[in-house]
Amino acid sequence: MEEISLSNDEEEIETADRDHEGVGPTTERWSPLGAPACDERHSTDNSLSEHKNSRLVQLEEEQEKLSSALLALSTHFAQVQFRLQQICKASEGEKEKLLKELEEFAFKGCPDILELKRFRQWHSNNPDNG
């Protein structure tokens, strides 16, 4: 009988097959090749998450400031328009007085709505100080 010689690769495969006979496939899930270790990814995700959260809070505060400024400006403009209508309908003697009041009002500026909200909230929480 002639003996067949196996190459080194084929011998390793046969040896590996014999070693694993009766053993089923592994149930462990491996991470993709080149993927970072779980701890590194988790810590990176946390720092990104914290950065995103702080940025979100910052943007929400900025949006609240802009919204309140727009509300204040719109309200101020509406009051100027209303006073102008009053002046147009007023008698000659009344017009000078109303124009002076409008000038004072127009140059007084817009109130800070957020400051008013904080002031009201503070007074509602501290009724003894008002």
N, C-alpha and C. Protein backbone atom coordinates (compact mmCIF):
# COMPACT_ATOMS: atom_id res chain seq x y z
N MET A 1 0.82 -1.16 0.00
CA MET A 1 0.00 0.00 0.00
C MET A 1 0.88 1.24 0.00
N GLU A 2 0.48 2.17 -0.80
CA GLU A 2 1.26 3.39 -0.96
C GLU A 2 0.78 4.43 0.05
N GLU A 3 1.72 5.04 0.73
CA GLU A 3 1.38 6.04 1.74
C GLU A 3 1.28 7.41 1.08
N ILE A 4 0.24 8.11 1.41
CA ILE A 4 0.04 9.45 0.84
C ILE A 4 0.59 10.46 1.83
N SER A 5 1.40 11.32 1.30
CA SER A 5 1.99 12.35 2.15
C SER A 5 1.13 13.61 2.09
N LEU A 6 0.83 14.17 3.24
CA LEU A 6 0.02 15.38 3.33
C LEU A 6 0.92 16.59 3.54
N SER A 7 0.49 17.69 3.00
CA SER A 7 1.27 18.92 3.22
C SER A 7 1.03 19.40 4.65
N ASN A 8 1.85 20.32 5.09
CA ASN A 8 1.74 20.85 6.46
C ASN A 8 0.37 21.47 6.72
N ASP A 9 -0.16 22.21 5.74
CA ASP A 9 -1.47 22.85 5.91
C ASP A 9 -2.57 21.82 6.09
N GLU A 10 -2.52 20.76 5.28
CA GLU A 10 -3.55 19.73 5.38
C GLU A 10 -3.45 18.99 6.70
N GLU A 11 -2.23 18.77 7.19
CA GLU A 11 -2.05 18.10 8.48
C GLU A 11 -2.61 18.95 9.60
N GLU A 12 -2.41 20.24 9.54
CA GLU A 12 -2.93 21.14 10.58
C GLU A 12 -4.45 21.13 10.59
N ILE A 13 -5.05 21.09 9.40
CA ILE A 13 -6.51 21.07 9.31
C ILE A 13 -7.05 19.78 9.90
N GLU A 14 -6.41 18.63 9.57
CA GLU A 14 -6.86 17.35 10.12
C GLU A 14 -6.71 17.34 11.63
N THR A 15 -5.62 17.87 12.14
CA THR A 15 -5.39 17.92 13.58
C THR A 15 -6.44 18.79 14.26
N ALA A 16 -6.75 19.92 13.67
CA ALA A 16 -7.75 20.82 14.23
C ALA A 16 -9.12 20.17 14.21
N ASP A 17 -9.42 19.42 13.13
CA ASP A 17 -10.70 18.73 13.04
C ASP A 17 -10.83 17.68 14.13
N ARG A 18 -9.74 16.93 14.39
CA ARG A 18 -9.77 15.90 15.42
C ARG A 18 -9.93 16.52 16.81
N ASP A 19 -9.28 17.66 17.03
CA ASP A 19 -9.35 18.32 18.34
C ASP A 19 -10.76 18.83 18.64
N HIS A 20 -11.49 19.22 17.63
CA HIS A 20 -12.80 19.84 17.83
C HIS A 20 -13.96 18.90 17.55
N GLU A 21 -13.72 17.62 17.37
CA GLU A 21 -14.81 16.68 17.11
C GLU A 21 -15.73 16.63 18.31
N GLY A 22 -17.02 16.68 18.06
CA GLY A 22 -18.00 16.61 19.14
C GLY A 22 -18.28 17.96 19.78
N VAL A 23 -17.56 18.97 19.39
CA VAL A 23 -17.77 20.31 19.96
C VAL A 23 -18.59 21.10 18.95
N GLY A 24 -19.69 21.71 19.41
CA GLY A 24 -20.56 22.48 18.52
C GLY A 24 -19.96 23.85 18.21
N PRO A 25 -20.63 24.59 17.39
CA PRO A 25 -20.15 25.92 17.04
C PRO A 25 -20.20 26.84 18.26
N THR A 26 -19.33 27.81 18.28
CA THR A 26 -19.30 28.73 19.42
C THR A 26 -20.50 29.65 19.36
N THR A 27 -21.01 30.01 20.51
CA THR A 27 -22.15 30.92 20.57
C THR A 27 -21.70 32.34 20.90
N GLU A 28 -20.42 32.50 21.09
CA GLU A 28 -19.88 33.82 21.41
C GLU A 28 -19.85 34.68 20.15
N ARG A 29 -20.32 35.91 20.29
CA ARG A 29 -20.30 36.83 19.15
C ARG A 29 -19.04 37.67 19.24
N TRP A 30 -18.30 37.68 18.17
CA TRP A 30 -17.06 38.43 18.13
C TRP A 30 -17.31 39.81 17.55
N SER A 31 -16.53 40.76 18.01
CA SER A 31 -16.65 42.11 17.46
C SER A 31 -16.02 42.14 16.08
N PRO A 32 -16.43 43.07 15.24
CA PRO A 32 -15.85 43.15 13.89
C PRO A 32 -14.35 43.38 13.95
N LEU A 33 -13.68 42.91 12.94
CA LEU A 33 -12.24 43.05 12.86
C LEU A 33 -11.87 44.53 12.83
N GLY A 34 -10.97 44.93 13.71
CA GLY A 34 -10.53 46.32 13.76
C GLY A 34 -11.39 47.20 14.65
N ALA A 35 -12.44 46.64 15.27
CA ALA A 35 -13.31 47.43 16.14
C ALA A 35 -12.59 47.69 17.45
N PRO A 36 -12.83 48.86 18.06
CA PRO A 36 -12.18 49.15 19.34
C PRO A 36 -12.76 48.28 20.45
N ALA A 37 -12.01 48.16 21.51
CA ALA A 37 -12.49 47.39 22.66
C ALA A 37 -13.74 48.05 23.22
N CYS A 38 -14.58 47.29 23.85
CA CYS A 38 -15.86 47.77 24.36
C CYS A 38 -15.69 48.95 25.31
N ASP A 39 -14.71 48.89 26.21
CA ASP A 39 -14.51 49.95 27.18
C ASP A 39 -14.16 51.26 26.51
N GLU A 40 -13.31 51.22 25.49
CA GLU A 40 -12.93 52.44 24.79
C GLU A 40 -14.14 53.06 24.11
N ARG A 41 -14.93 52.24 23.44
CA ARG A 41 -16.10 52.74 22.74
C ARG A 41 -17.10 53.33 23.72
N HIS A 42 -17.29 52.66 24.86
CA HIS A 42 -18.24 53.13 25.86
C HIS A 42 -17.82 54.48 26.43
N SER A 43 -16.54 54.63 26.75
CA SER A 43 -16.08 55.90 27.32
C SER A 43 -16.16 57.01 26.28
N THR A 44 -15.87 56.70 25.03
CA THR A 44 -15.97 57.69 23.96
C THR A 44 -17.42 58.09 23.77
N ASP A 45 -18.33 57.12 23.80
CA ASP A 45 -19.76 57.41 23.66
C ASP A 45 -20.23 58.31 24.80
N ASN A 46 -19.77 58.06 26.02
CA ASN A 46 -20.16 58.88 27.17
C ASN A 46 -19.69 60.31 27.01
N SER A 47 -18.44 60.50 26.60
CA SER A 47 -17.94 61.87 26.47
C SER A 47 -18.65 62.60 25.35
N LEU A 48 -18.94 61.90 24.24
CA LEU A 48 -19.70 62.52 23.16
C LEU A 48 -21.11 62.86 23.62
N SER A 49 -21.70 61.95 24.37
CA SER A 49 -23.05 62.16 24.88
C SER A 49 -23.10 63.36 25.81
N GLU A 50 -22.12 63.48 26.71
CA GLU A 50 -22.07 64.61 27.62
C GLU A 50 -21.89 65.92 26.85
N HIS A 51 -21.03 65.89 25.84
CA HIS A 51 -20.80 67.08 25.03
C HIS A 51 -22.08 67.48 24.29
N LYS A 52 -22.77 66.49 23.73
CA LYS A 52 -24.01 66.78 23.02
C LYS A 52 -25.07 67.32 23.97
N ASN A 53 -25.15 66.76 25.18
CA ASN A 53 -26.13 67.23 26.15
C ASN A 53 -25.85 68.66 26.57
N SER A 54 -24.58 68.98 26.84
CA SER A 54 -24.26 70.35 27.24
C SER A 54 -24.51 71.32 26.10
N ARG A 55 -24.22 70.90 24.89
CA ARG A 55 -24.47 71.75 23.71
C ARG A 55 -25.98 71.95 23.52
N LEU A 56 -26.75 70.89 23.75
CA LEU A 56 -28.20 70.99 23.63
C LEU A 56 -28.76 71.97 24.65
N VAL A 57 -28.29 71.89 25.89
CA VAL A 57 -28.75 72.80 26.94
C VAL A 57 -28.39 74.24 26.56
N GLN A 58 -27.18 74.43 26.06
CA GLN A 58 -26.73 75.76 25.65
C GLN A 58 -27.62 76.31 24.52
N LEU A 59 -27.93 75.47 23.54
CA LEU A 59 -28.77 75.91 22.43
C LEU A 59 -30.20 76.20 22.88
N GLU A 60 -30.71 75.41 23.82
CA GLU A 60 -32.06 75.65 24.34
C GLU A 60 -32.13 76.98 25.08
N GLU A 61 -31.09 77.29 25.88
CA GLU A 61 -31.05 78.56 26.59
C GLU A 61 -30.97 79.73 25.61
N GLU A 62 -30.15 79.57 24.59
CA GLU A 62 -30.01 80.62 23.59
C GLU A 62 -31.33 80.83 22.84
N GLN A 63 -32.01 79.74 22.53
CA GLN A 63 -33.30 79.86 21.84
C GLN A 63 -34.32 80.56 22.72
N GLU A 64 -34.31 80.27 24.02
CA GLU A 64 -35.24 80.93 24.93
C GLU A 64 -34.96 82.43 24.99
N LYS A 65 -33.67 82.81 25.01
CA LYS A 65 -33.32 84.23 25.02
C LYS A 65 -33.79 84.91 23.74
N LEU A 66 -33.54 84.27 22.60
CA LEU A 66 -33.94 84.86 21.32
C LEU A 66 -35.46 84.96 21.21
N SER A 67 -36.17 83.95 21.68
CA SER A 67 -37.63 83.98 21.63
C SER A 67 -38.18 85.10 22.51
N SER A 68 -37.61 85.26 23.69
CA SER A 68 -38.10 86.32 24.58
C SER A 68 -37.75 87.69 24.03
N ALA A 69 -36.58 87.83 23.39
CA ALA A 69 -36.22 89.11 22.78
C ALA A 69 -37.16 89.44 21.63
N LEU A 70 -37.51 88.44 20.83
CA LEU A 70 -38.45 88.66 19.72
C LEU A 70 -39.82 89.05 20.25
N LEU A 71 -40.26 88.40 21.31
CA LEU A 71 -41.55 88.74 21.92
C LEU A 71 -41.54 90.17 22.44
N ALA A 72 -40.46 90.55 23.12
CA ALA A 72 -40.36 91.90 23.67
C ALA A 72 -40.35 92.94 22.55
N LEU A 73 -39.60 92.68 21.50
CA LEU A 73 -39.53 93.62 20.38
C LEU A 73 -40.87 93.74 19.67
N SER A 74 -41.53 92.61 19.46
CA SER A 74 -42.85 92.63 18.80
C SER A 74 -43.88 93.38 19.64
N THR A 75 -43.85 93.15 20.94
CA THR A 75 -44.77 93.83 21.85
C THR A 75 -44.51 95.33 21.85
N HIS A 76 -43.25 95.71 21.92
CA HIS A 76 -42.87 97.13 21.92
C HIS A 76 -43.33 97.79 20.62
N PHE A 77 -43.10 97.14 19.50
CA PHE A 77 -43.50 97.68 18.20
C PHE A 77 -45.02 97.83 18.12
N ALA A 78 -45.76 96.85 18.62
CA ALA A 78 -47.22 96.93 18.61
C ALA A 78 -47.71 98.10 19.45
N GLN A 79 -47.06 98.35 20.58
CA GLN A 79 -47.45 99.48 21.42
C GLN A 79 -47.16 100.81 20.73
N VAL A 80 -46.04 100.90 20.02
CA VAL A 80 -45.72 102.12 19.26
C VAL A 80 -46.78 102.34 18.19
N GLN A 81 -47.15 101.29 17.47
CA GLN A 81 -48.19 101.41 16.44
C GLN A 81 -49.51 101.89 17.04
N PHE A 82 -49.87 101.31 18.18
CA PHE A 82 -51.13 101.69 18.83
C PHE A 82 -51.10 103.16 19.23
N ARG A 83 -49.99 103.60 19.79
CA ARG A 83 -49.88 105.00 20.20
C ARG A 83 -49.90 105.95 19.00
N LEU A 84 -49.30 105.52 17.89
CA LEU A 84 -49.36 106.34 16.67
C LEU A 84 -50.79 106.50 16.18
N GLN A 85 -51.57 105.42 16.27
CA GLN A 85 -52.98 105.51 15.88
C GLN A 85 -53.73 106.49 16.79
N GLN A 86 -53.42 106.44 18.08
CA GLN A 86 -54.05 107.37 19.02
C GLN A 86 -53.70 108.81 18.66
N ILE A 87 -52.43 109.04 18.30
CA ILE A 87 -51.99 110.39 17.97
C ILE A 87 -52.71 110.89 16.72
N CYS A 88 -52.83 110.04 15.72
CA CYS A 88 -53.51 110.43 14.48
C CYS A 88 -54.97 110.81 14.72
N LYS A 89 -55.62 110.17 15.65
CA LYS A 89 -57.04 110.42 15.93
C LYS A 89 -57.25 111.52 16.97
N ALA A 90 -56.18 111.95 17.63
CA ALA A 90 -56.30 112.92 18.72
C ALA A 90 -56.50 114.33 18.17
N SER A 91 -57.00 115.19 19.05
CA SER A 91 -57.16 116.61 18.69
C SER A 91 -55.79 117.28 18.66
N GLU A 92 -55.74 118.50 18.10
CA GLU A 92 -54.46 119.22 17.95
C GLU A 92 -53.78 119.45 19.30
N GLY A 93 -54.50 119.80 20.31
CA GLY A 93 -53.92 120.07 21.62
C GLY A 93 -53.38 118.81 22.28
N GLU A 94 -54.04 117.70 22.03
CA GLU A 94 -53.65 116.41 22.62
C GLU A 94 -52.45 115.79 21.90
N LYS A 95 -52.28 116.08 20.61
CA LYS A 95 -51.22 115.45 19.80
C LYS A 95 -49.83 115.73 20.35
N GLU A 96 -49.55 116.97 20.76
CA GLU A 96 -48.21 117.31 21.28
C GLU A 96 -47.88 116.48 22.52
N LYS A 97 -48.85 116.39 23.40
CA LYS A 97 -48.65 115.62 24.64
C LYS A 97 -48.40 114.14 24.31
N LEU A 98 -49.21 113.57 23.43
CA LEU A 98 -49.06 112.16 23.05
C LEU A 98 -47.75 111.90 22.32
N LEU A 99 -47.32 112.85 21.48
CA LEU A 99 -46.03 112.69 20.78
C LEU A 99 -44.86 112.66 21.77
N LYS A 100 -44.91 113.52 22.78
CA LYS A 100 -43.85 113.52 23.81
C LYS A 100 -43.82 112.19 24.55
N GLU A 101 -45.01 111.68 24.90
CA GLU A 101 -45.08 110.38 25.59
C GLU A 101 -44.55 109.26 24.71
N LEU A 102 -44.90 109.32 23.42
CA LEU A 102 -44.41 108.30 22.48
C LEU A 102 -42.90 108.36 22.35
N GLU A 103 -42.35 109.55 22.30
CA GLU A 103 -40.90 109.70 22.20
C GLU A 103 -40.21 109.09 23.42
N GLU A 104 -40.72 109.38 24.60
CA GLU A 104 -40.15 108.80 25.82
C GLU A 104 -40.25 107.27 25.81
N PHE A 105 -41.41 106.79 25.40
CA PHE A 105 -41.64 105.34 25.36
C PHE A 105 -40.71 104.67 24.35
N ALA A 106 -40.57 105.27 23.18
CA ALA A 106 -39.76 104.67 22.11
C ALA A 106 -38.29 104.59 22.50
N PHE A 107 -37.78 105.58 23.20
CA PHE A 107 -36.36 105.58 23.56
C PHE A 107 -36.08 104.87 24.88
N LYS A 108 -37.15 104.48 25.57
CA LYS A 108 -36.97 103.74 26.82
C LYS A 108 -36.40 102.35 26.56
N GLY A 109 -36.70 101.77 25.43
CA GLY A 109 -36.18 100.44 25.08
C GLY A 109 -37.14 99.33 25.43
N CYS A 110 -36.77 98.14 25.03
CA CYS A 110 -37.60 96.96 25.25
C CYS A 110 -37.26 96.33 26.59
N PRO A 111 -38.27 95.87 27.31
CA PRO A 111 -37.99 95.19 28.58
C PRO A 111 -37.41 93.80 28.33
N ASP A 112 -36.64 93.31 29.28
CA ASP A 112 -36.09 91.95 29.21
C ASP A 112 -37.13 91.00 29.79
N ILE A 113 -37.77 90.24 28.91
CA ILE A 113 -38.85 89.34 29.33
C ILE A 113 -38.35 88.28 30.30
N LEU A 114 -37.16 87.74 30.04
CA LEU A 114 -36.61 86.71 30.93
C LEU A 114 -36.38 87.27 32.33
N GLU A 115 -35.91 88.50 32.40
CA GLU A 115 -35.68 89.13 33.71
C GLU A 115 -37.01 89.32 34.44
N LEU A 116 -38.04 89.70 33.70
CA LEU A 116 -39.37 89.84 34.32
C LEU A 116 -39.89 88.50 34.82
N LYS A 117 -39.67 87.44 34.05
CA LYS A 117 -40.09 86.10 34.48
C LYS A 117 -39.38 85.70 35.77
N ARG A 118 -38.05 85.93 35.81
CA ARG A 118 -37.29 85.59 37.02
C ARG A 118 -37.76 86.41 38.22
N PHE A 119 -38.04 87.70 37.98
CA PHE A 119 -38.51 88.59 39.04
C PHE A 119 -39.85 88.10 39.59
N ARG A 120 -40.77 87.77 38.70
CA ARG A 120 -42.08 87.27 39.14
C ARG A 120 -41.96 85.94 39.87
N GLN A 121 -41.12 85.07 39.36
CA GLN A 121 -40.93 83.77 40.00
C GLN A 121 -40.33 83.95 41.39
N TRP A 122 -39.37 84.85 41.52
CA TRP A 122 -38.74 85.10 42.81
C TRP A 122 -39.77 85.64 43.79
N HIS A 123 -40.63 86.57 43.33
CA HIS A 123 -41.65 87.13 44.22
C HIS A 123 -42.72 86.11 44.58
N SER A 124 -43.03 85.21 43.67
CA SER A 124 -44.03 84.19 44.01
C SER A 124 -43.46 83.18 45.01
N ASN A 125 -42.13 82.96 44.97
CA ASN A 125 -41.49 82.05 45.92
C ASN A 125 -41.19 82.73 47.25
N ASN A 126 -41.11 84.07 47.27
CA ASN A 126 -40.79 84.84 48.48
C ASN A 126 -41.86 85.91 48.69
N PRO A 127 -43.07 85.55 49.08
CA PRO A 127 -44.14 86.55 49.20
C PRO A 127 -43.89 87.58 50.31
N ASP A 128 -43.04 87.27 51.28
CA ASP A 128 -42.78 88.19 52.39
C ASP A 128 -41.93 89.39 51.95
N ASN A 129 -41.17 89.25 50.85
CA ASN A 129 -40.25 90.31 50.42
C ASN A 129 -40.90 91.30 49.46
N GLY A 130 -42.15 91.17 49.12
CA GLY A 130 -42.73 92.00 48.09
C GLY A 130 -43.54 93.11 48.59
